[in-house]
Amino acid sequence: MVYPFDYFQHQKDCKRKQDERASKIANLPAAYQYPISTNERSFLNRPIAELVNDVHGGAIKPVDILRAYGKVAVEAQKKTNCVTEILFPEAEEWIQNGDINLKGPLAGIPVSLKDSIAVGGFDVSVGYSSNTGKPYATDGSLVRLLKEAGAVPFVKTNLPITLLSFESTNDVWGAAKNPHNTKYSPGGSTGGESALLAFGGSRIGIGSDVAGSVRVPAHFSGCYSLRSSTGRWPKMGMNTSMPGQEGIPSVFGPMARTLDDLTYFTREFIRMGPWKYDHSCHPLEWRPRVETEWAEKKVLKVGVMRDDGVVTPSPACARALDLVADALKAEDHTVLDVTPPSPYEALIIASKLLNADGCTTFRSFFRAGENDDPGAAQLGFYMRLPRFVKYVHYLWVKYVNKDDIWAGLIRGWNPKTAAENWQLVSQREAYKVKWHDWWREQGLDFIITVPNATPAVPHGGMKDAVSSCGYTFLFNLLDYTAGIIPVTHVDRSLDQLPPSFNFKSLNGVAKGAYKHYDAVAMDGLPVGVQVVGQRLQEEKVITLMARCEDALEKNGVKYQLLEVD
């Protein structure tokens, strides 16, 4: 009789959390109910460095900034369902009682947080109903650092159950939507965050990334993000769907509405010394000389990775990559196409490491009747098939369908023993050596590539596209620093598939990605480009992102953010 009671408790807890959120919004203090004033609107369009300066000088009250962004966050929630927990009243108390250090380098700046980040007094549901009604007693290390820096945590944002999707849907909070087109996903797993930032309801957010989870949302929704290397950002005091998974470590990192804000926030955050708050962080100071070096270097050598050998980028994504490459060429940088060590090999190793437990851990938190993410459900379904059935399917795919790519990916898609897991880790390290040696031989300064083969997927699209994650997953396996800049939007005329396009000839991974590509339906969706450095090169990559954006603007290409209503 456990099954029905578990199901009813799941339904009850989901309704309770959604009712709590609706009630909190409906009963916000009067200051949040008024229309946005002219003064408040000015806050929304100013870089955070200027706001901090005015807070320090007493020209602006932090609570006024909070209320301005709180109002827009509520509007973003109405359109995109991007928000989970509302923290505005508590944030006002933190400001008033001195819990926020208003002399810090982020004084008065509202910061939105992925739902998996612990804020004292609030649940960390990660989209599972079994995690609700269990508020954390204290702030996690990341939130403690933010408050000491003067930042004001003010909302938590939506994500997918399992955290293994480029969508952000769960029974507890519902589906997050793309602010550009609500029929599409804002990305995942940090999708609520990207939707809020793109809408204009926040300027700074923090998410996590294990296979592209801060980069793909930035690409899908049209904002900026940075995938930091392990050890640069705190990771304790969080909740996750796969505790103990270290084959492909998840890292936390910043997202922002503008590159200027991303740079300022990242620099000041690391200057706070995250290692003082979290034992997992390297005691590595921010290196301004690296910023200066890469800002001043006259000729950059840029590698363009146009294809990962698994899914050729769609016309929209290829066009965005061309725009960046051409702009850099126009500025007299050395730009060349590169073919690095097989990204396909990385996809095989990384996918097996990430799910070495047979998808058991993330499934263990489900209750009876709780809906799975469509992509993660596909992974779990295949993992649970009898080995003989999987082997027959592998033979069919390889020898009948003649699809070596898909066959190679599903081969050995089984739970791993400790010995098998160690072998995969050894393969991972050997693969890193290949990349390290290749990069040195090429003499590259950085690489540009697409963040994903396509723009945003429609809701439910990850059922088909779950394996099409190689352009970001690659750099998780390598632990390289990588950032996203939004470049353009899908154009229904420019981005049509060519007449010669043959869907039937695609491998299984590419078919899943291209099943949902439609330039007419996607018209207006954002398209970004990924800027990649090597490990622990945050200062360098964030500077090179600026070099790319400057080159674009000098050559007449400037990304248009959504206007704040």
Protein backbone atom coordinates (compact mmCIF):
# COMPACT_ATOMS: atom_id res chain seq x y z
CA MET A 1 0.00 0.00 0.00
CA VAL A 2 3.03 2.29 -0.08
CA TYR A 3 2.52 3.11 -3.77
CA PRO A 4 -0.82 5.00 -3.57
CA PHE A 5 0.11 6.87 -0.39
CA ASP A 6 3.43 7.90 -1.95
CA TYR A 7 1.59 9.15 -5.03
CA PHE A 8 -0.92 11.15 -3.01
CA GLN A 9 1.86 12.70 -0.92
CA HIS A 10 3.67 13.69 -4.13
CA GLN A 11 0.56 15.43 -5.45
CA LYS A 12 -0.03 17.13 -2.12
CA ASP A 13 3.53 18.44 -1.83
CA CYS A 14 3.57 19.77 -5.40
CA LYS A 15 0.32 21.64 -4.83
CA ARG A 16 1.57 23.00 -1.52
CA LYS A 17 4.75 24.42 -3.05
CA GLN A 18 2.94 25.99 -5.98
CA ASP A 19 0.30 27.44 -3.67
CA GLU A 20 3.04 28.84 -1.41
CA ARG A 21 4.70 30.54 -4.37
CA ALA A 22 1.41 31.98 -5.66
CA SER A 23 0.43 33.19 -2.19
CA LYS A 24 3.79 34.82 -1.58
CA ILE A 25 3.58 36.70 -4.90
CA ALA A 26 -0.03 37.74 -4.26
CA ASN A 27 0.81 39.00 -0.77
CA LEU A 28 4.05 40.82 -1.44
CA PRO A 29 4.43 44.15 0.38
CA ALA A 30 2.72 47.13 -1.24
CA ALA A 31 6.03 48.45 -2.62
CA TYR A 32 6.12 45.48 -5.03
CA GLN A 33 2.55 46.03 -6.24
CA TYR A 34 3.08 49.46 -7.81
CA PRO A 35 4.14 49.86 -11.46
CA ILE A 36 7.85 50.31 -12.13
CA SER A 37 8.77 53.93 -11.56
CA THR A 38 11.09 55.96 -13.78
CA ASN A 39 13.74 55.84 -11.07
CA GLU A 40 13.44 52.05 -10.74
CA ARG A 41 13.64 51.63 -14.50
CA SER A 42 16.98 53.45 -14.47
CA PHE A 43 18.35 50.74 -12.14
CA LEU A 44 17.40 48.05 -14.64
CA ASN A 45 19.56 49.54 -17.38
CA ARG A 46 22.70 50.32 -15.41
CA PRO A 47 25.81 48.12 -15.06
CA ILE A 48 26.20 46.61 -11.62
CA ALA A 49 29.54 48.39 -11.10
CA GLU A 50 27.72 51.74 -11.25
CA LEU A 51 25.00 50.56 -8.88
CA VAL A 52 27.59 49.35 -6.37
CA ASN A 53 29.36 52.69 -6.53
CA ASP A 54 26.11 54.54 -5.80
CA VAL A 55 25.22 52.20 -2.94
CA HIS A 56 28.66 52.80 -1.41
CA GLY A 57 28.16 56.56 -1.81
CA GLY A 58 24.66 56.52 -0.35
CA ALA A 59 23.02 57.76 -3.58
CA ILE A 60 20.92 54.59 -3.90
CA LYS A 61 19.29 52.43 -1.27
CA PRO A 62 19.78 48.67 -1.82
CA VAL A 63 16.13 48.03 -1.03
CA ASP A 64 15.11 50.22 -3.97
CA ILE A 65 17.24 48.14 -6.37
CA LEU A 66 15.77 44.98 -4.88
CA ARG A 67 12.21 46.19 -5.37
CA ALA A 68 12.86 47.19 -8.99
CA TYR A 69 14.21 43.76 -9.88
CA GLY A 70 11.59 42.06 -7.74
CA LYS A 71 8.83 43.64 -9.80
CA VAL A 72 10.35 42.51 -13.09
CA ALA A 73 11.03 39.03 -11.71
CA VAL A 74 7.32 38.70 -10.93
CA GLU A 75 6.48 39.67 -14.51
CA ALA A 76 9.05 37.19 -15.80
CA GLN A 77 7.45 34.51 -13.65
CA LYS A 78 4.02 35.23 -15.14
CA LYS A 79 5.33 34.74 -18.67
CA THR A 80 7.96 32.03 -18.27
CA ASN A 81 7.41 30.21 -14.94
CA CYS A 82 11.11 30.71 -14.23
CA VAL A 83 11.01 31.28 -10.46
CA THR A 84 10.73 28.74 -7.65
CA GLU A 85 11.26 30.44 -4.26
CA ILE A 86 10.49 34.14 -3.71
CA LEU A 87 12.94 35.70 -1.22
CA PHE A 88 12.05 39.43 -1.45
CA PRO A 89 10.65 39.97 2.09
CA GLU A 90 13.47 37.98 3.65
CA ALA A 91 16.02 39.86 1.52
CA GLU A 92 14.69 43.16 2.85
CA GLU A 93 15.18 41.84 6.39
CA TRP A 94 18.74 40.75 5.58
CA ILE A 95 19.50 44.26 4.35
CA GLN A 96 17.90 45.91 7.37
CA ASN A 97 19.45 43.70 10.06
CA GLY A 98 22.99 43.79 8.68
CA ASP A 99 23.21 40.25 7.25
CA ILE A 100 24.26 41.85 3.95
CA ASN A 101 27.63 43.61 3.99
CA LEU A 102 26.83 46.85 2.19
CA LYS A 103 30.50 47.82 2.11
CA GLY A 104 31.34 44.82 -0.06
CA PRO A 105 32.23 44.85 -3.78
CA LEU A 106 28.74 43.66 -4.77
CA ALA A 107 26.84 45.93 -2.39
CA GLY A 108 23.10 45.97 -3.07
CA ILE A 109 23.16 43.81 -6.21
CA PRO A 110 20.25 41.34 -6.41
CA VAL A 111 21.48 37.88 -7.40
CA SER A 112 19.23 35.05 -8.57
CA LEU A 113 20.15 31.47 -7.74
CA LYS A 114 19.45 28.10 -9.28
CA ASP A 115 17.03 26.15 -7.09
CA SER A 116 19.76 23.65 -6.14
CA ILE A 117 21.66 26.30 -4.13
CA ALA A 118 21.03 26.33 -0.39
CA VAL A 119 19.58 29.44 1.23
CA GLY A 120 18.88 29.13 4.94
CA GLY A 121 15.18 28.80 5.73
CA PHE A 122 14.20 27.53 2.26
CA ASP A 123 13.83 24.16 0.58
CA VAL A 124 16.34 22.95 -1.98
CA SER A 125 13.94 20.81 -3.95
CA VAL A 126 15.91 20.21 -7.18
CA GLY A 127 12.45 19.57 -8.62
CA TYR A 128 11.78 16.46 -6.49
CA SER A 129 8.71 16.57 -4.26
CA SER A 130 10.51 14.36 -1.72
CA ASN A 131 12.88 17.28 -1.06
CA THR A 132 10.13 19.74 -0.18
CA GLY A 133 9.15 20.71 3.34
CA LYS A 134 12.78 20.32 4.43
CA PRO A 135 14.21 23.85 4.61
CA TYR A 136 17.96 24.12 5.07
CA ALA A 137 18.95 25.47 8.47
CA THR A 138 21.78 27.67 7.19
CA ASP A 139 23.12 29.26 4.02
CA GLY A 140 25.50 27.26 1.87
CA SER A 141 29.06 28.50 1.39
CA LEU A 142 28.24 30.26 -1.88
CA VAL A 143 25.39 32.25 -0.34
CA ARG A 144 27.50 33.16 2.69
CA LEU A 145 30.14 34.54 0.35
CA LEU A 146 27.54 36.49 -1.66
CA LYS A 147 26.13 38.15 1.44
CA GLU A 148 29.59 39.02 2.72
CA ALA A 149 30.31 40.59 -0.71
CA GLY A 150 27.14 42.66 -0.36
CA ALA A 151 25.00 40.78 -2.89
CA VAL A 152 21.32 40.18 -2.16
CA PRO A 153 19.93 36.71 -2.99
CA PHE A 154 16.33 37.46 -4.03
CA VAL A 155 14.88 34.52 -6.01
CA LYS A 156 15.59 30.89 -6.76
CA THR A 157 14.98 29.60 -10.25
CA ASN A 158 13.54 26.61 -12.06
CA LEU A 159 15.38 23.52 -13.31
CA PRO A 160 14.65 20.01 -14.59
CA ILE A 161 14.07 17.08 -12.31
CA THR A 162 17.28 14.96 -12.49
CA LEU A 163 19.32 18.04 -13.62
CA LEU A 164 20.14 16.07 -16.79
CA SER A 165 18.31 18.02 -19.46
CA PHE A 166 18.37 21.07 -21.69
CA GLU A 167 14.77 21.62 -20.59
CA SER A 168 13.64 22.79 -17.14
CA THR A 169 10.49 20.92 -16.14
CA ASN A 170 9.38 19.19 -12.96
CA ASP A 171 6.13 18.39 -11.16
CA VAL A 172 6.92 20.60 -8.17
CA TRP A 173 7.23 23.88 -10.10
CA GLY A 174 6.06 23.13 -13.64
CA ALA A 175 7.78 23.91 -16.94
CA ALA A 176 10.00 26.95 -17.45
CA LYS A 177 9.48 28.68 -20.80
CA ASN A 178 11.67 30.64 -23.17
CA PRO A 179 10.93 34.40 -22.96
CA HIS A 180 11.44 34.78 -26.71
CA ASN A 181 8.92 32.07 -27.59
CA THR A 182 7.05 30.27 -24.83
CA LYS A 183 6.61 27.16 -27.00
CA TYR A 184 10.32 26.53 -26.54
CA SER A 185 12.58 25.60 -23.65
CA PRO A 186 14.84 28.25 -22.06
CA GLY A 187 17.43 25.51 -21.66
CA GLY A 188 18.57 23.39 -18.76
CA SER A 189 19.48 22.54 -16.28
CA THR A 190 19.83 26.22 -15.33
CA GLY A 191 16.88 27.17 -17.53
CA GLY A 192 14.82 29.23 -15.10
CA GLU A 193 17.89 31.36 -14.53
CA SER A 194 18.47 32.04 -18.23
CA ALA A 195 14.79 32.87 -18.76
CA LEU A 196 14.85 35.36 -15.88
CA LEU A 197 18.07 37.02 -17.06
CA ALA A 198 16.97 37.24 -20.69
CA PHE A 199 13.61 38.70 -19.65
CA GLY A 200 15.39 41.34 -17.56
CA GLY A 201 14.24 40.19 -14.12
CA SER A 202 17.83 39.80 -12.91
CA ARG A 203 21.27 40.96 -13.99
CA ILE A 204 23.35 38.30 -12.23
CA GLY A 205 22.60 34.64 -11.60
CA ILE A 206 24.44 31.50 -10.55
CA GLY A 207 23.91 28.02 -11.96
CA SER A 208 25.68 24.70 -12.29
CA ASP A 209 27.08 22.82 -15.27
CA VAL A 210 27.82 19.11 -15.71
CA ALA A 211 27.20 18.76 -19.46
CA GLY A 212 26.43 22.31 -20.57
CA SER A 213 23.92 23.44 -17.97
CA VAL A 214 24.94 27.11 -17.77
CA ARG A 215 26.09 27.34 -21.38
CA VAL A 216 23.16 25.83 -23.29
CA PRO A 217 20.58 27.93 -21.36
CA ALA A 218 22.56 31.08 -22.23
CA HIS A 219 22.53 29.98 -25.88
CA PHE A 220 18.82 29.06 -25.86
CA SER A 221 17.62 32.19 -24.04
CA GLY A 222 20.09 34.90 -25.06
CA CYS A 223 22.36 35.82 -22.14
CA TYR A 224 25.97 35.30 -21.04
CA SER A 225 27.54 32.55 -18.95
CA LEU A 226 30.88 31.14 -17.89
CA ARG A 227 31.67 27.49 -17.23
CA SER A 228 34.50 27.75 -14.71
CA SER A 229 36.98 24.95 -14.11
CA THR A 230 36.63 22.84 -10.99
CA GLY A 231 37.95 24.52 -7.87
CA ARG A 232 37.29 28.11 -8.91
CA TRP A 233 33.74 28.33 -7.49
CA PRO A 234 32.19 26.90 -4.32
CA LYS A 235 30.17 23.72 -4.65
CA MET A 236 29.33 22.77 -1.06
CA GLY A 237 25.97 23.57 0.51
CA MET A 238 24.10 22.58 -2.62
CA ASN A 239 21.69 19.78 -3.43
CA THR A 240 21.93 17.56 -6.47
CA SER A 241 20.31 14.61 -8.21
CA MET A 242 23.54 12.60 -8.23
CA PRO A 243 25.46 13.04 -4.97
CA GLY A 244 28.87 11.39 -5.17
CA GLN A 245 29.13 11.52 -8.97
CA GLU A 246 32.68 12.68 -9.69
CA GLY A 247 33.44 11.11 -13.07
CA ILE A 248 32.35 14.39 -14.69
CA PRO A 249 32.30 16.91 -11.83
CA SER A 250 29.52 19.47 -11.75
CA VAL A 251 30.75 23.04 -11.40
CA PHE A 252 28.92 26.20 -10.40
CA GLY A 253 29.38 29.40 -12.32
CA PRO A 254 27.98 32.83 -13.16
CA MET A 255 25.37 33.91 -15.69
CA ALA A 256 24.53 37.51 -16.58
CA ARG A 257 22.43 39.75 -18.75
CA THR A 258 25.49 41.59 -20.10
CA LEU A 259 29.16 40.72 -20.55
CA ASP A 260 30.19 43.79 -18.57
CA ASP A 261 28.24 42.51 -15.58
CA LEU A 262 29.53 38.95 -16.00
CA THR A 263 33.10 40.24 -15.95
CA TYR A 264 32.67 42.54 -12.96
CA PHE A 265 30.79 39.93 -10.95
CA THR A 266 33.23 37.10 -11.67
CA ARG A 267 36.25 39.24 -10.87
CA GLU A 268 34.86 40.52 -7.56
CA PHE A 269 33.47 37.14 -6.53
CA ILE A 270 36.85 35.43 -6.88
CA ARG A 271 38.59 38.37 -5.22
CA MET A 272 36.51 37.53 -2.14
CA GLY A 273 38.57 34.32 -1.83
CA PRO A 274 36.05 31.47 -2.24
CA TRP A 275 38.57 29.08 -0.62
CA LYS A 276 37.94 30.91 2.67
CA TYR A 277 34.31 29.74 2.53
CA ASP A 278 34.59 26.36 0.82
CA HIS A 279 37.33 23.73 1.18
CA SER A 280 36.79 22.54 -2.40
CA CYS A 281 38.08 25.81 -3.91
CA HIS A 282 41.66 26.37 -5.01
CA PRO A 283 43.43 29.27 -3.26
CA LEU A 284 43.89 30.93 -6.63
CA GLU A 285 43.66 34.71 -6.60
CA TRP A 286 42.13 36.68 -9.49
CA ARG A 287 44.93 37.51 -11.95
CA PRO A 288 44.46 41.01 -13.45
CA ARG A 289 47.74 40.69 -15.38
CA VAL A 290 46.11 37.89 -17.40
CA GLU A 291 43.20 40.15 -18.28
CA THR A 292 45.63 42.85 -19.37
CA GLU A 293 47.77 40.45 -21.40
CA TRP A 294 44.83 39.11 -23.43
CA ALA A 295 43.17 42.49 -23.80
CA GLU A 296 46.34 43.93 -25.31
CA LYS A 297 47.59 41.05 -27.48
CA LYS A 298 47.36 42.38 -31.02
CA VAL A 299 47.05 39.19 -33.05
CA LEU A 300 45.15 36.22 -31.67
CA LYS A 301 45.31 32.69 -33.07
CA VAL A 302 41.79 31.32 -33.06
CA GLY A 303 40.74 27.76 -33.83
CA VAL A 304 37.23 27.26 -35.23
CA MET A 305 35.72 23.86 -34.42
CA ARG A 306 32.94 23.71 -36.99
CA ASP A 307 31.83 20.11 -36.48
CA ASP A 308 32.17 17.60 -33.66
CA GLY A 309 31.85 14.64 -36.02
CA VAL A 310 28.52 13.67 -34.46
CA VAL A 311 25.98 16.41 -35.22
CA THR A 312 26.79 19.04 -37.84
CA PRO A 313 25.58 22.46 -36.61
CA SER A 314 22.27 23.69 -38.01
CA PRO A 315 22.29 26.64 -40.42
CA ALA A 316 21.38 29.12 -37.65
CA CYS A 317 24.20 27.99 -35.36
CA ALA A 318 26.72 27.72 -38.19
CA ARG A 319 25.83 31.26 -39.28
CA ALA A 320 26.44 32.63 -35.76
CA LEU A 321 29.83 30.89 -35.69
CA ASP A 322 30.67 32.37 -39.09
CA LEU A 323 29.76 35.85 -37.86
CA VAL A 324 32.28 35.60 -35.02
CA ALA A 325 35.00 34.01 -37.17
CA ASP A 326 34.56 36.61 -39.92
CA ALA A 327 34.59 39.49 -37.43
CA LEU A 328 37.84 38.22 -35.92
CA LYS A 329 39.37 37.86 -39.40
CA ALA A 330 38.31 41.40 -40.22
CA GLU A 331 40.30 42.55 -37.18
CA ASP A 332 43.39 40.82 -38.61
CA HIS A 333 43.45 37.90 -36.19
CA THR A 334 44.62 34.49 -37.40
CA VAL A 335 41.50 32.35 -37.73
CA LEU A 336 41.70 28.75 -38.93
CA ASP A 337 39.45 25.70 -38.95
CA VAL A 338 40.69 22.97 -36.62
CA THR A 339 40.06 19.26 -36.17
CA PRO A 340 40.88 18.41 -32.55
CA PRO A 341 41.15 14.93 -31.02
CA SER A 342 37.83 13.16 -31.55
CA PRO A 343 34.97 14.90 -29.71
CA TYR A 344 32.99 11.72 -30.39
CA GLU A 345 35.41 9.77 -28.21
CA ALA A 346 34.82 12.33 -25.45
CA LEU A 347 31.04 11.93 -25.76
CA ILE A 348 31.32 8.16 -25.32
CA ILE A 349 33.60 8.41 -22.28
CA ALA A 350 31.69 11.26 -20.65
CA SER A 351 28.24 9.73 -21.08
CA LYS A 352 29.36 6.46 -19.51
CA LEU A 353 31.09 8.20 -16.61
CA LEU A 354 28.14 10.46 -15.86
CA ASN A 355 25.74 7.51 -15.72
CA ALA A 356 28.11 4.88 -14.38
CA ASP A 357 25.62 3.98 -11.65
CA GLY A 358 23.06 2.89 -14.24
CA CYS A 359 20.91 5.99 -13.60
CA THR A 360 20.09 4.53 -10.18
CA THR A 361 20.91 7.54 -8.03
CA PHE A 362 18.80 10.21 -9.72
CA ARG A 363 15.92 7.70 -9.95
CA SER A 364 16.11 6.99 -6.22
CA PHE A 365 14.57 10.35 -5.32
CA PHE A 366 11.41 9.83 -7.39
CA ARG A 367 8.05 9.17 -5.83
CA ALA A 368 5.29 7.07 -7.32
CA GLY A 369 3.69 8.89 -10.24
CA GLU A 370 6.34 11.62 -10.39
CA ASN A 371 7.05 12.63 -13.97
CA ASP A 372 10.57 12.14 -15.29
CA ASP A 373 12.39 14.45 -17.66
CA PRO A 374 11.78 13.06 -21.18
CA GLY A 375 15.48 12.95 -21.99
CA ALA A 376 16.58 11.41 -18.71
CA ALA A 377 13.73 8.90 -19.02
CA GLN A 378 15.20 7.73 -22.33
CA LEU A 379 18.59 7.22 -20.69
CA GLY A 380 17.07 5.28 -17.83
CA PHE A 381 14.86 3.15 -20.07
CA TYR A 382 17.78 2.03 -22.18
CA MET A 383 19.97 1.44 -19.14
CA ARG A 384 17.34 -0.89 -17.62
CA LEU A 385 16.88 -3.08 -20.70
CA PRO A 386 18.26 -6.63 -20.39
CA ARG A 387 21.81 -6.82 -21.71
CA PHE A 388 20.90 -9.36 -24.36
CA VAL A 389 18.19 -7.05 -25.74
CA LYS A 390 20.64 -4.13 -25.79
CA TYR A 391 23.25 -6.20 -27.58
CA VAL A 392 20.78 -7.27 -30.27
CA HIS A 393 19.74 -3.65 -30.66
CA TYR A 394 23.39 -2.62 -30.97
CA LEU A 395 23.96 -5.20 -33.71
CA TRP A 396 20.86 -3.98 -35.56
CA VAL A 397 21.96 -0.34 -35.40
CA LYS A 398 25.52 -1.09 -36.47
CA TYR A 399 25.08 -3.74 -39.16
CA VAL A 400 21.54 -3.27 -40.43
CA ASN A 401 21.13 0.50 -40.07
CA LYS A 402 24.87 0.97 -40.64
CA ASP A 403 24.96 3.74 -38.04
CA ASP A 404 28.39 3.49 -36.45
CA ILE A 405 27.98 6.71 -34.44
CA TRP A 406 24.81 5.72 -32.63
CA ALA A 407 25.97 2.12 -32.26
CA GLY A 408 29.25 3.20 -30.69
CA LEU A 409 27.46 5.44 -28.22
CA ILE A 410 25.00 2.79 -26.98
CA ARG A 411 27.59 0.00 -26.92
CA GLY A 412 28.20 -0.96 -23.33
CA TRP A 413 25.47 1.36 -22.02
CA ASN A 414 25.28 -0.54 -18.75
CA PRO A 415 25.88 0.13 -15.05
CA LYS A 416 29.60 0.02 -14.34
CA THR A 417 31.49 -1.91 -11.71
CA ALA A 418 34.12 -0.04 -9.70
CA ALA A 419 36.81 -1.59 -11.90
CA GLU A 420 35.02 -0.51 -15.09
CA ASN A 421 34.57 2.99 -13.69
CA TRP A 422 38.29 3.22 -12.94
CA GLN A 423 39.02 2.20 -16.52
CA LEU A 424 36.78 5.01 -17.78
CA VAL A 425 38.55 7.51 -15.53
CA SER A 426 41.85 6.30 -16.98
CA GLN A 427 40.46 6.82 -20.51
CA ARG A 428 39.31 10.29 -19.52
CA GLU A 429 42.79 11.26 -18.33
CA ALA A 430 44.43 9.84 -21.44
CA TYR A 431 42.01 11.82 -23.58
CA LYS A 432 42.92 15.02 -21.71
CA VAL A 433 46.57 14.40 -22.58
CA LYS A 434 45.67 14.18 -26.29
CA TRP A 435 43.95 17.57 -26.13
CA HIS A 436 46.71 19.18 -24.11
CA ASP A 437 49.38 18.04 -26.58
CA TRP A 438 47.26 18.94 -29.62
CA TRP A 439 46.52 22.44 -28.31
CA ARG A 440 50.21 23.09 -27.69
CA GLU A 441 51.16 21.81 -31.15
CA GLN A 442 48.56 24.06 -32.80
CA GLY A 443 49.72 27.10 -30.81
CA LEU A 444 46.12 28.24 -30.31
CA ASP A 445 45.07 31.11 -28.07
CA PHE A 446 41.46 29.93 -27.91
CA ILE A 447 38.73 28.02 -29.74
CA ILE A 448 35.29 29.11 -30.86
CA THR A 449 32.49 26.64 -31.58
CA VAL A 450 28.73 26.31 -31.32
CA PRO A 451 27.21 25.62 -27.88
CA ASN A 452 24.70 23.20 -29.40
CA ALA A 453 23.89 21.94 -32.86
CA THR A 454 20.51 23.71 -32.82
CA PRO A 455 18.82 26.64 -31.12
CA ALA A 456 16.28 25.97 -28.35
CA VAL A 457 14.24 22.78 -28.43
CA PRO A 458 10.44 22.82 -28.14
CA HIS A 459 8.97 21.51 -24.89
CA GLY A 460 9.40 17.74 -24.78
CA GLY A 461 12.12 17.86 -27.42
CA MET A 462 14.80 16.37 -25.19
CA LYS A 463 13.13 12.98 -25.56
CA ASP A 464 14.78 12.93 -28.98
CA ALA A 465 17.73 15.31 -28.50
CA VAL A 466 19.07 14.00 -25.17
CA SER A 467 22.32 12.69 -26.69
CA SER A 468 22.99 15.84 -28.71
CA CYS A 469 25.10 17.55 -26.08
CA GLY A 470 28.62 16.96 -27.35
CA TYR A 471 29.60 20.58 -28.02
CA THR A 472 29.38 21.42 -24.33
CA PHE A 473 29.89 18.01 -22.69
CA LEU A 474 33.34 17.82 -24.33
CA PHE A 475 34.64 20.70 -22.24
CA ASN A 476 33.19 19.28 -19.02
CA LEU A 477 35.23 16.15 -19.57
CA LEU A 478 38.34 18.28 -20.29
CA ASP A 479 37.50 20.66 -17.41
CA TYR A 480 38.19 23.63 -19.70
CA THR A 481 36.92 27.14 -19.08
CA ALA A 482 34.23 28.08 -21.60
CA GLY A 483 31.90 31.05 -21.98
CA ILE A 484 28.83 31.90 -24.06
CA ILE A 485 28.13 35.13 -25.89
CA PRO A 486 24.77 35.65 -27.62
CA VAL A 487 25.40 36.62 -31.25
CA THR A 488 22.22 36.70 -33.31
CA HIS A 489 18.68 35.36 -33.69
CA VAL A 490 17.23 32.67 -35.92
CA ASP A 491 16.17 34.12 -39.26
CA ARG A 492 13.42 32.23 -41.09
CA SER A 493 14.93 33.16 -44.45
CA LEU A 494 18.65 32.83 -43.81
CA ASP A 495 18.53 29.68 -41.69
CA GLN A 496 16.45 27.25 -43.71
CA LEU A 497 17.85 23.77 -44.28
CA PRO A 498 19.29 23.45 -47.79
CA PRO A 499 17.32 21.46 -50.41
CA SER A 500 20.09 18.86 -50.35
CA PHE A 501 19.54 18.10 -46.65
CA ASN A 502 18.82 14.38 -46.18
CA PHE A 503 17.34 13.56 -42.78
CA LYS A 504 17.38 9.81 -43.43
CA SER A 505 21.15 9.82 -43.91
CA LEU A 506 21.82 11.21 -40.42
CA ASN A 507 23.12 9.14 -37.53
CA GLY A 508 20.84 8.50 -34.56
CA VAL A 509 22.16 11.38 -32.45
CA ALA A 510 21.81 13.88 -35.31
CA LYS A 511 18.30 12.68 -36.12
CA GLY A 512 17.25 13.44 -32.55
CA ALA A 513 18.67 16.95 -32.82
CA TYR A 514 17.32 17.78 -36.28
CA LYS A 515 13.87 16.34 -35.66
CA HIS A 516 12.90 19.68 -34.11
CA TYR A 517 14.84 22.09 -36.31
CA ASP A 518 12.45 24.45 -38.09
CA ALA A 519 13.77 27.90 -39.02
CA VAL A 520 10.25 29.30 -39.48
CA ALA A 521 8.96 28.10 -36.09
CA MET A 522 12.25 29.11 -34.42
CA ASP A 523 12.36 32.57 -35.99
CA GLY A 524 13.63 35.07 -33.42
CA LEU A 525 15.14 32.56 -30.99
CA PRO A 526 18.65 33.48 -29.74
CA VAL A 527 21.81 31.87 -31.08
CA GLY A 528 25.12 32.02 -29.20
CA VAL A 529 28.75 31.05 -29.68
CA GLN A 530 31.06 29.28 -27.25
CA VAL A 531 34.49 30.73 -26.45
CA VAL A 532 36.87 28.11 -25.04
CA GLY A 533 40.18 28.29 -23.22
CA GLN A 534 42.04 25.66 -21.25
CA ARG A 535 41.76 24.68 -17.61
CA LEU A 536 41.59 27.44 -14.95
CA GLN A 537 41.69 30.21 -17.54
CA GLU A 538 38.68 32.22 -16.35
CA GLU A 539 40.48 35.58 -16.59
CA LYS A 540 41.65 34.80 -20.11
CA VAL A 541 38.34 33.45 -21.44
CA ILE A 542 36.22 36.28 -20.08
CA THR A 543 38.62 38.77 -21.71
CA LEU A 544 38.52 36.90 -25.01
CA MET A 545 34.73 36.89 -24.90
CA ALA A 546 35.00 40.68 -24.85
CA ARG A 547 37.46 40.63 -27.74
CA CYS A 548 34.97 38.59 -29.78
CA GLU A 549 32.08 40.87 -28.91
CA ASP A 550 34.13 43.99 -29.71
CA ALA A 551 35.07 42.52 -33.09
CA LEU A 552 31.42 41.77 -33.82
CA GLU A 553 30.33 45.30 -32.96
CA LYS A 554 33.11 46.86 -35.06
CA ASN A 555 31.80 44.82 -37.96
CA GLY A 556 28.18 45.81 -37.49
CA VAL A 557 26.90 42.85 -35.47
CA LYS A 558 25.37 43.66 -32.10
CA TYR A 559 23.09 41.30 -30.21
CA GLN A 560 19.79 42.86 -29.17
CA LEU A 561 18.65 41.98 -25.67
CA LEU A 562 14.96 41.72 -24.90
CA GLU A 563 13.68 45.07 -23.70
CA VAL A 564 12.45 45.22 -20.12
CA ASP A 565 8.74 46.09 -20.28
